[in-house]
């Protein structure tokens, strides 16, 4: 049986959420450059979209973890905000 790992605290979620939002915003710019440079039916734009989808999936999973914390239920999600 594996070692039990600690979950993020509210504060750590806030720090990671801020970083993840920045990463996603930057990646959206990169993805747009790729999409504008290659035909839609080629591998590069398809893979670029898959990466964005995975980043958003990770954001959703971490958001779920955030709201599983009793002390976070009345707080605003650190994974979503004005950048959306």
PDB file of N, CA and C in Angstrom:
ATOM      1  N   UNK A   1       0.837  -1.174   0.000  1.00  0.00           N
ATOM      2  CA  UNK A   1       0.000   0.000   0.000  1.00  0.00           C
ATOM      3  C   UNK A   1       0.885   1.241   0.000  1.00  0.00           C
ATOM      4  N   UNK A   2       0.490   2.256  -0.771  1.00  0.00           N
ATOM      5  CA  UNK A   2       1.303   3.459  -0.910  1.00  0.00           C
ATOM      6  C   UNK A   2       1.169   4.409   0.260  1.00  0.00           C
ATOM      7  N   UNK A   3       2.128   5.278   0.308  1.00  0.00           N
ATOM      8  CA  UNK A   3       2.152   6.312   1.337  1.00  0.00           C
ATOM      9  C   UNK A   3       1.011   7.304   1.087  1.00  0.00           C
ATOM     10  N   UNK A   4       0.336   7.710   2.143  1.00  0.00           N
ATOM     11  CA  UNK A   4      -0.729   8.712   2.030  1.00  0.00           C
ATOM     12  C   UNK A   4      -0.074  10.072   1.856  1.00  0.00           C
ATOM     13  N   UNK A   5      -0.468  10.761   0.789  1.00  0.00           N
ATOM     14  CA  UNK A   5       0.111  12.068   0.500  1.00  0.00           C
ATOM     15  C   UNK A   5      -0.830  13.171   0.967  1.00  0.00           C
ATOM     16  N   UNK A   6      -0.243  14.274   1.432  1.00  0.00           N
ATOM     17  CA  UNK A   6      -1.096  15.389   1.861  1.00  0.00           C
ATOM     18  C   UNK A   6      -1.715  16.074   0.649  1.00  0.00           C
ATOM     19  N   UNK A   7      -2.884  16.601   0.812  1.00  0.00           N
ATOM     20  CA  UNK A   7      -3.551  17.366  -0.250  1.00  0.00           C
ATOM     21  C   UNK A   7      -3.103  18.819  -0.136  1.00  0.00           C
ATOM     22  N   UNK A   8      -3.450  19.608  -1.131  1.00  0.00           N
ATOM     23  CA  UNK A   8      -3.156  21.034  -1.072  1.00  0.00           C
ATOM     24  C   UNK A   8      -4.011  21.689   0.008  1.00  0.00           C
ATOM     25  N   UNK A   9      -3.446  22.698   0.632  1.00  0.00           N
ATOM     26  CA  UNK A   9      -4.211  23.577   1.515  1.00  0.00           C
ATOM     27  C   UNK A   9      -4.909  24.608   0.634  1.00  0.00           C
ATOM     28  N   UNK A  10      -5.795  25.386   1.210  1.00  0.00           N
ATOM     29  CA  UNK A  10      -6.446  26.469   0.468  1.00  0.00           C
ATOM     30  C   UNK A  10      -5.382  27.407  -0.099  1.00  0.00           C
ATOM     31  N   UNK A  11      -4.397  27.739   0.727  1.00  0.00           N
ATOM     32  CA  UNK A  11      -3.341  28.651   0.294  1.00  0.00           C
ATOM     33  C   UNK A  11      -2.548  28.071  -0.880  1.00  0.00           C
ATOM     34  N   UNK A  12      -2.244  26.784  -0.809  1.00  0.00           N
ATOM     35  CA  UNK A  12      -1.481  26.159  -1.897  1.00  0.00           C
ATOM     36  C   UNK A  12      -2.322  26.107  -3.174  1.00  0.00           C
ATOM     37  N   UNK A  13      -3.605  25.827  -3.059  1.00  0.00           N
ATOM     38  CA  UNK A  13      -4.488  25.865  -4.227  1.00  0.00           C
ATOM     39  C   UNK A  13      -4.455  27.256  -4.859  1.00  0.00           C
ATOM     40  N   UNK A  14      -4.457  28.297  -4.037  1.00  0.00           N
ATOM     41  CA  UNK A  14      -4.437  29.660  -4.556  1.00  0.00           C
ATOM     42  C   UNK A  14      -3.141  29.934  -5.317  1.00  0.00           C
ATOM     43  N   UNK A  15      -2.026  29.468  -4.793  1.00  0.00           N
ATOM     44  CA  UNK A  15      -0.737  29.651  -5.461  1.00  0.00           C
ATOM     45  C   UNK A  15      -0.682  28.870  -6.773  1.00  0.00           C
ATOM     46  N   UNK A  16      -1.073  27.620  -6.727  1.00  0.00           N
ATOM     47  CA  UNK A  16      -1.035  26.774  -7.920  1.00  0.00           C
ATOM     48  C   UNK A  16      -2.047  27.260  -8.947  1.00  0.00           C
ATOM     49  N   UNK A  17      -3.219  27.663  -8.491  1.00  0.00           N
ATOM     50  CA  UNK A  17      -4.241  28.175  -9.405  1.00  0.00           C
ATOM     51  C   UNK A  17      -3.752  29.390 -10.170  1.00  0.00           C
ATOM     52  N   UNK A  18      -3.080  30.289  -9.490  1.00  0.00           N
ATOM     53  CA  UNK A  18      -2.539  31.475 -10.133  1.00  0.00           C
ATOM     54  C   UNK A  18      -1.507  31.095 -11.200  1.00  0.00           C
ATOM     55  N   UNK A  19      -0.620  30.185 -10.862  1.00  0.00           N
ATOM     56  CA  UNK A  19       0.393  29.730 -11.825  1.00  0.00           C
ATOM     57  C   UNK A  19      -0.243  29.006 -13.010  1.00  0.00           C
ATOM     58  N   UNK A  20      -1.202  28.155 -12.724  1.00  0.00           N
ATOM     59  CA  UNK A  20      -1.848  27.387 -13.794  1.00  0.00           C
ATOM     60  C   UNK A  20      -2.602  28.304 -14.750  1.00  0.00           C
ATOM     61  N   UNK A  21      -3.262  29.324 -14.230  1.00  0.00           N
ATOM     62  CA  UNK A  21      -3.951  30.281 -15.099  1.00  0.00           C
ATOM     63  C   UNK A  21      -2.962  30.989 -16.017  1.00  0.00           C
ATOM     64  N   UNK A  22      -1.797  31.331 -15.488  1.00  0.00           N
ATOM     65  CA  UNK A  22      -0.763  31.979 -16.303  1.00  0.00           C
ATOM     66  C   UNK A  22      -0.252  31.034 -17.392  1.00  0.00           C
ATOM     67  N   UNK A  23      -0.024  29.786 -17.023  1.00  0.00           N
ATOM     68  CA  UNK A  23       0.449  28.789 -17.982  1.00  0.00           C
ATOM     69  C   UNK A  23      -0.568  28.605 -19.102  1.00  0.00           C
ATOM     70  N   UNK A  24      -1.826  28.486 -18.744  1.00  0.00           N
ATOM     71  CA  UNK A  24      -2.876  28.278 -19.746  1.00  0.00           C
ATOM     72  C   UNK A  24      -2.995  29.498 -20.658  1.00  0.00           C
ATOM     73  N   UNK A  25      -2.924  30.688 -20.103  1.00  0.00           N
ATOM     74  CA  UNK A  25      -2.999  31.901 -20.924  1.00  0.00           C
ATOM     75  C   UNK A  25      -1.839  31.950 -21.911  1.00  0.00           C
ATOM     76  N   UNK A  26      -0.643  31.654 -21.447  1.00  0.00           N
ATOM     77  CA  UNK A  26       0.524  31.635 -22.332  1.00  0.00           C
ATOM     78  C   UNK A  26       0.390  30.534 -23.375  1.00  0.00           C
ATOM     79  N   UNK A  27      -0.063  29.368 -22.952  1.00  0.00           N
ATOM     80  CA  UNK A  27      -0.203  28.265 -23.898  1.00  0.00           C
ATOM     81  C   UNK A  27      -1.253  28.568 -24.966  1.00  0.00           C
ATOM     82  N   UNK A  28      -2.309  29.267 -24.594  1.00  0.00           N
ATOM     83  CA  UNK A  28      -3.327  29.644 -25.594  1.00  0.00           C
ATOM     84  C   UNK A  28      -2.706  30.485 -26.710  1.00  0.00           C
ATOM     85  N   UNK A  29      -1.780  31.363 -26.345  1.00  0.00           N
ATOM     86  CA  UNK A  29      -1.082  32.170 -27.356  1.00  0.00           C
ATOM     87  C   UNK A  29      -0.245  31.278 -28.276  1.00  0.00           C
ATOM     88  N   UNK A  30       0.471  30.338 -27.686  1.00  0.00           N
ATOM     89  CA  UNK A  30       1.293  29.414 -28.467  1.00  0.00           C
ATOM     90  C   UNK A  30       0.415  28.567 -29.380  1.00  0.00           C
ATOM     91  N   UNK A  31      -0.664  28.057 -28.840  1.00  0.00           N
ATOM     92  CA  UNK A  31      -1.581  27.240 -29.631  1.00  0.00           C
ATOM     93  C   UNK A  31      -2.141  28.027 -30.808  1.00  0.00           C
ATOM     94  N   UNK A  32      -2.497  29.281 -30.574  1.00  0.00           N
ATOM     95  CA  UNK A  32      -3.023  30.116 -31.648  1.00  0.00           C
ATOM     96  C   UNK A  32      -1.988  30.304 -32.759  1.00  0.00           C
ATOM     97  N   UNK A  33      -0.738  30.482 -32.390  1.00  0.00           N
ATOM     98  CA  UNK A  33       0.324  30.585 -33.393  1.00  0.00           C
ATOM     99  C   UNK A  33       0.414  29.305 -34.219  1.00  0.00           C
ATOM    100  N   UNK A  34       0.321  28.173 -33.554  1.00  0.00           N
ATOM    101  CA  UNK A  34       0.389  26.885 -34.249  1.00  0.00           C
ATOM    102  C   UNK A  34      -0.807  26.723 -35.174  1.00  0.00           C
ATOM    103  N   UNK A  35      -1.985  26.998 -34.673  1.00  0.00           N
ATOM    104  CA  UNK A  35      -3.206  26.851 -35.468  1.00  0.00           C
ATOM    105  C   UNK A  35      -3.181  27.761 -36.697  1.00  0.00           C
ATOM    106  N   UNK A  36      -2.635  28.957 -36.542  1.00  0.00           N
ATOM    107  CA  UNK A  36      -2.569  29.895 -37.655  1.00  0.00           C
ATOM    108  C   UNK A  36      -1.469  29.551 -38.667  1.00  0.00           C
ATOM    109  N   UNK A  37      -0.524  28.702 -38.271  1.00  0.00           N
ATOM    110  CA  UNK A  37       0.605  28.390 -39.136  1.00  0.00           C
ATOM    111  C   UNK A  37       0.466  27.069 -39.886  1.00  0.00           C
ATOM    112  N   UNK A  38      -0.421  26.200 -39.442  1.00  0.00           N
ATOM    113  CA  UNK A  38      -0.529  24.863 -40.036  1.00  0.00           C
ATOM    114  C   UNK A  38      -1.975  24.574 -40.439  1.00  0.00           C
ATOM    115  N   UNK A  39      -2.165  23.809 -41.497  1.00  0.00           N
ATOM    116  CA  UNK A  39      -3.530  23.411 -41.882  1.00  0.00           C
ATOM    117  C   UNK A  39      -4.210  22.629 -40.759  1.00  0.00           C
ATOM    118  N   UNK A  40      -5.532  22.795 -40.650  1.00  0.00           N
ATOM    119  CA  UNK A  40      -6.305  22.164 -39.574  1.00  0.00           C
ATOM    120  C   UNK A  40      -6.173  20.647 -39.529  1.00  0.00           C
ATOM    121  N   UNK A  41      -5.998  20.019 -40.675  1.00  0.00           N
ATOM    122  CA  UNK A  41      -5.988  18.559 -40.719  1.00  0.00           C
ATOM    123  C   UNK A  41      -4.597  17.961 -40.533  1.00  0.00           C
ATOM    124  N   UNK A  42      -3.630  18.766 -40.078  1.00  0.00           N
ATOM    125  CA  UNK A  42      -2.283  18.246 -39.836  1.00  0.00           C
ATOM    126  C   UNK A  42      -2.103  17.965 -38.343  1.00  0.00           C
ATOM    127  N   UNK A  43      -1.090  17.175 -38.004  1.00  0.00           N
ATOM    128  CA  UNK A  43      -0.920  16.782 -36.599  1.00  0.00           C
ATOM    129  C   UNK A  43      -0.655  17.931 -35.617  1.00  0.00           C
ATOM    130  N   UNK A  44       0.072  18.950 -36.012  1.00  0.00           N
ATOM    131  CA  UNK A  44       0.456  19.998 -35.053  1.00  0.00           C
ATOM    132  C   UNK A  44      -0.747  20.692 -34.413  1.00  0.00           C
ATOM    133  N   UNK A  45      -1.711  21.193 -35.190  1.00  0.00           N
ATOM    134  CA  UNK A  45      -2.856  21.839 -34.530  1.00  0.00           C
ATOM    135  C   UNK A  45      -3.691  20.871 -33.697  1.00  0.00           C
ATOM    136  N   UNK A  46      -3.791  19.639 -34.148  1.00  0.00           N
ATOM    137  CA  UNK A  46      -4.567  18.647 -33.386  1.00  0.00           C
ATOM    138  C   UNK A  46      -3.912  18.380 -32.037  1.00  0.00           C
ATOM    139  N   UNK A  47      -2.606  18.201 -32.043  1.00  0.00           N
ATOM    140  CA  UNK A  47      -1.888  17.948 -30.786  1.00  0.00           C
ATOM    141  C   UNK A  47      -1.907  19.180 -29.891  1.00  0.00           C
ATOM    142  N   UNK A  48      -1.807  20.349 -30.490  1.00  0.00           N
ATOM    143  CA  UNK A  48      -1.857  21.588 -29.711  1.00  0.00           C
ATOM    144  C   UNK A  48      -3.191  21.712 -28.981  1.00  0.00           C
ATOM    145  N   UNK A  49      -4.267  21.329 -29.645  1.00  0.00           N
ATOM    146  CA  UNK A  49      -5.581  21.372 -29.007  1.00  0.00           C
ATOM    147  C   UNK A  49      -5.682  20.334 -27.892  1.00  0.00           C
ATOM    148  N   UNK A  50      -5.095  19.164 -28.108  1.00  0.00           N
ATOM    149  CA  UNK A  50      -5.124  18.130 -27.068  1.00  0.00           C
ATOM    150  C   UNK A  50      -4.439  18.613 -25.795  1.00  0.00           C
ATOM    151  N   UNK A  51      -3.332  19.332 -25.954  1.00  0.00           N
ATOM    152  CA  UNK A  51      -2.622  19.858 -24.785  1.00  0.00           C
ATOM    153  C   UNK A  51      -3.508  20.855 -24.035  1.00  0.00           C
ATOM    154  N   UNK A  52      -4.148  21.752 -24.768  1.00  0.00           N
ATOM    155  CA  UNK A  52      -5.042  22.715 -24.129  1.00  0.00           C
ATOM    156  C   UNK A  52      -6.195  22.003 -23.422  1.00  0.00           C
ATOM    157  N   UNK A  53      -6.737  20.986 -24.057  1.00  0.00           N
ATOM    158  CA  UNK A  53      -7.816  20.213 -23.432  1.00  0.00           C
ATOM    159  C   UNK A  53      -7.347  19.565 -22.133  1.00  0.00           C
ATOM    160  N   UNK A  54      -6.130  19.033 -22.145  1.00  0.00           N
ATOM    161  CA  UNK A  54      -5.590  18.384 -20.930  1.00  0.00           C
ATOM    162  C   UNK A  54      -5.330  19.408 -19.823  1.00  0.00           C
ATOM    163  N   UNK A  55      -4.818  20.576 -20.184  1.00  0.00           N
ATOM    164  CA  UNK A  55      -4.617  21.626 -19.179  1.00  0.00           C
ATOM    165  C   UNK A  55      -5.939  22.033 -18.549  1.00  0.00           C
ATOM    166  N   UNK A  56      -6.971  22.166 -19.364  1.00  0.00           N
ATOM    167  CA  UNK A  56      -8.292  22.507 -18.832  1.00  0.00           C
ATOM    168  C   UNK A  56      -8.866  21.378 -17.983  1.00  0.00           C
ATOM    169  N   UNK A  57      -8.610  20.150 -18.371  1.00  0.00           N
ATOM    170  CA  UNK A  57      -9.054  19.002 -17.566  1.00  0.00           C
ATOM    171  C   UNK A  57      -8.362  19.012 -16.202  1.00  0.00           C
ATOM    172  N   UNK A  58      -7.064  19.291 -16.201  1.00  0.00           N
ATOM    173  CA  UNK A  58      -6.327  19.386 -14.939  1.00  0.00           C
ATOM    174  C   UNK A  58      -6.904  20.499 -14.074  1.00  0.00           C
ATOM    175  N   UNK A  59      -7.186  21.653 -14.674  1.00  0.00           N
ATOM    176  CA  UNK A  59      -7.777  22.773 -13.941  1.00  0.00           C
ATOM    177  C   UNK A  59      -9.108  22.357 -13.306  1.00  0.00           C
ATOM    178  N   UNK A  60      -9.917  21.625 -14.054  1.00  0.00           N
ATOM    179  CA  UNK A  60     -11.206  21.160 -13.522  1.00  0.00           C
ATOM    180  C   UNK A  60     -11.025  20.197 -12.357  1.00  0.00           C
ATOM    181  N   UNK A  61     -10.064  19.286 -12.479  1.00  0.00           N
ATOM    182  CA  UNK A  61      -9.823  18.312 -11.395  1.00  0.00           C
ATOM    183  C   UNK A  61      -9.328  19.017 -10.138  1.00  0.00           C
ATOM    184  N   UNK A  62      -8.423  19.980 -10.313  1.00  0.00           N
ATOM    185  CA  UNK A  62      -7.924  20.712  -9.153  1.00  0.00           C
ATOM    186  C   UNK A  62      -9.022  21.580  -8.537  1.00  0.00           C
ATOM    187  N   UNK A  63      -9.894  22.118  -9.363  1.00  0.00           N
ATOM    188  CA  UNK A  63     -11.038  22.876  -8.861  1.00  0.00           C
ATOM    189  C   UNK A  63     -11.932  21.983  -8.003  1.00  0.00           C
ATOM    190  N   UNK A  64     -12.171  20.761  -8.454  1.00  0.00           N
ATOM    191  CA  UNK A  64     -12.950  19.801  -7.659  1.00  0.00           C
ATOM    192  C   UNK A  64     -12.269  19.542  -6.318  1.00  0.00           C
ATOM    193  N   UNK A  65     -10.948  19.350  -6.338  1.00  0.00           N
ATOM    194  CA  UNK A  65     -10.199  19.112  -5.094  1.00  0.00           C
ATOM    195  C   UNK A  65     -10.310  20.320  -4.157  1.00  0.00           C
ATOM    196  N   UNK A  66     -10.248  21.517  -4.736  1.00  0.00           N
ATOM    197  CA  UNK A  66     -10.365  22.742  -3.937  1.00  0.00           C
ATOM    198  C   UNK A  66     -11.693  22.761  -3.188  1.00  0.00           C
ATOM    199  N   UNK A  67     -12.771  22.480  -3.893  1.00  0.00           N
ATOM    200  CA  UNK A  67     -14.085  22.538  -3.258  1.00  0.00           C
ATOM    201  C   UNK A  67     -14.386  21.332  -2.370  1.00  0.00           C
ATOM    202  N   UNK A  68     -13.523  20.334  -2.383  1.00  0.00           N
ATOM    203  CA  UNK A  68     -13.638  19.238  -1.427  1.00  0.00           C
ATOM    204  C   UNK A  68     -13.122  19.643  -0.047  1.00  0.00           C
ATOM    205  N   UNK A  69     -12.373  20.744   0.005  1.00  0.00           N
ATOM    206  CA  UNK A  69     -11.892  21.252   1.288  1.00  0.00           C
ATOM    207  C   UNK A  69     -13.037  22.000   1.977  1.00  0.00           C
ATOM    208  N   UNK A  70     -13.326  21.605   3.193  1.00  0.00           N
ATOM    209  CA  UNK A  70     -14.432  22.217   3.929  1.00  0.00           C
ATOM    210  C   UNK A  70     -14.266  23.728   4.035  1.00  0.00           C
ATOM    211  N   UNK A  71     -13.047  24.190   4.289  1.00  0.00           N
ATOM    212  CA  UNK A  71     -12.810  25.621   4.467  1.00  0.00           C
ATOM    213  C   UNK A  71     -12.832  26.413   3.151  1.00  0.00           C
ATOM    214  N   UNK A  72     -12.925  25.730   2.026  1.00  0.00           N
ATOM    215  CA  UNK A  72     -12.915  26.408   0.724  1.00  0.00           C
ATOM    216  C   UNK A  72     -14.306  26.595   0.136  1.00  0.00           C
ATOM    217  N   UNK A  73     -15.296  26.002   0.729  1.00  0.00           N
ATOM    218  CA  UNK A  73     -16.627  25.985   0.114  1.00  0.00           C
ATOM    219  C   UNK A  73     -17.251  27.361  -0.078  1.00  0.00           C
ATOM    220  N   UNK A  74     -16.884  28.314   0.738  1.00  0.00           N
ATOM    221  CA  UNK A  74     -17.431  29.665   0.615  1.00  0.00           C
ATOM    222  C   UNK A  74     -16.504  30.596  -0.163  1.00  0.00           C
ATOM    223  N   UNK A  75     -15.391  30.081  -0.639  1.00  0.00           N
ATOM    224  CA  UNK A  75     -14.408  30.901  -1.342  1.00  0.00           C
ATOM    225  C   UNK A  75     -14.566  30.805  -2.851  1.00  0.00           C
ATOM    226  N   UNK A  76     -13.977  31.754  -3.553  1.00  0.00           N
ATOM    227  CA  UNK A  76     -13.960  31.760  -5.011  1.00  0.00           C
ATOM    228  C   UNK A  76     -12.857  30.817  -5.494  1.00  0.00           C
ATOM    229  N   UNK A  77     -13.135  30.083  -6.535  1.00  0.00           N
ATOM    230  CA  UNK A  77     -12.149  29.152  -7.073  1.00  0.00           C
ATOM    231  C   UNK A  77     -10.890  29.882  -7.540  1.00  0.00           C
ATOM    232  N   UNK A  78      -9.714  29.397  -7.156  1.00  0.00           N
ATOM    233  CA  UNK A  78      -8.481  30.001  -7.649  1.00  0.00           C
ATOM    234  C   UNK A  78      -8.148  29.580  -9.085  1.00  0.00           C
ATOM    235  N   UNK A  79      -8.907  28.643  -9.636  1.00  0.00           N
ATOM    236  CA  UNK A  79      -8.614  28.121 -10.967  1.00  0.00           C
ATOM    237  C   UNK A  79      -9.412  28.805 -12.067  1.00  0.00           C
ATOM    238  N   UNK A  80     -10.356  29.636 -11.681  1.00  0.00           N
ATOM    239  CA  UNK A  80     -11.185  30.337 -12.669  1.00  0.00           C
ATOM    240  C   UNK A  80     -11.201  31.803 -12.316  1.00  0.00           C
ATOM    241  N   UNK A  81     -11.301  32.644 -13.333  1.00  0.00           N
ATOM    242  CA  UNK A  81     -11.328  34.070 -13.058  1.00  0.00           C
ATOM    243  C   UNK A  81     -11.516  34.873 -14.330  1.00  0.00           C
ATOM    244  N   UNK A  82     -11.098  36.112 -14.275  1.00  0.00           N
ATOM    245  CA  UNK A  82     -11.296  37.060 -15.374  1.00  0.00           C
ATOM    246  C   UNK A  82     -10.611  36.647 -16.664  1.00  0.00           C
ATOM    247  N   UNK A  83      -9.569  35.830 -16.586  1.00  0.00           N
ATOM    248  CA  UNK A  83      -8.828  35.425 -17.773  1.00  0.00           C
ATOM    249  C   UNK A  83      -9.619  34.488 -18.674  1.00  0.00           C
ATOM    250  N   UNK A  84     -10.685  33.935 -18.153  1.00  0.00           N
ATOM    251  CA  UNK A  84     -11.464  32.942 -18.904  1.00  0.00           C
ATOM    252  C   UNK A  84     -12.056  33.525 -20.147  1.00  0.00           C
TER     253      UNK A  84
END
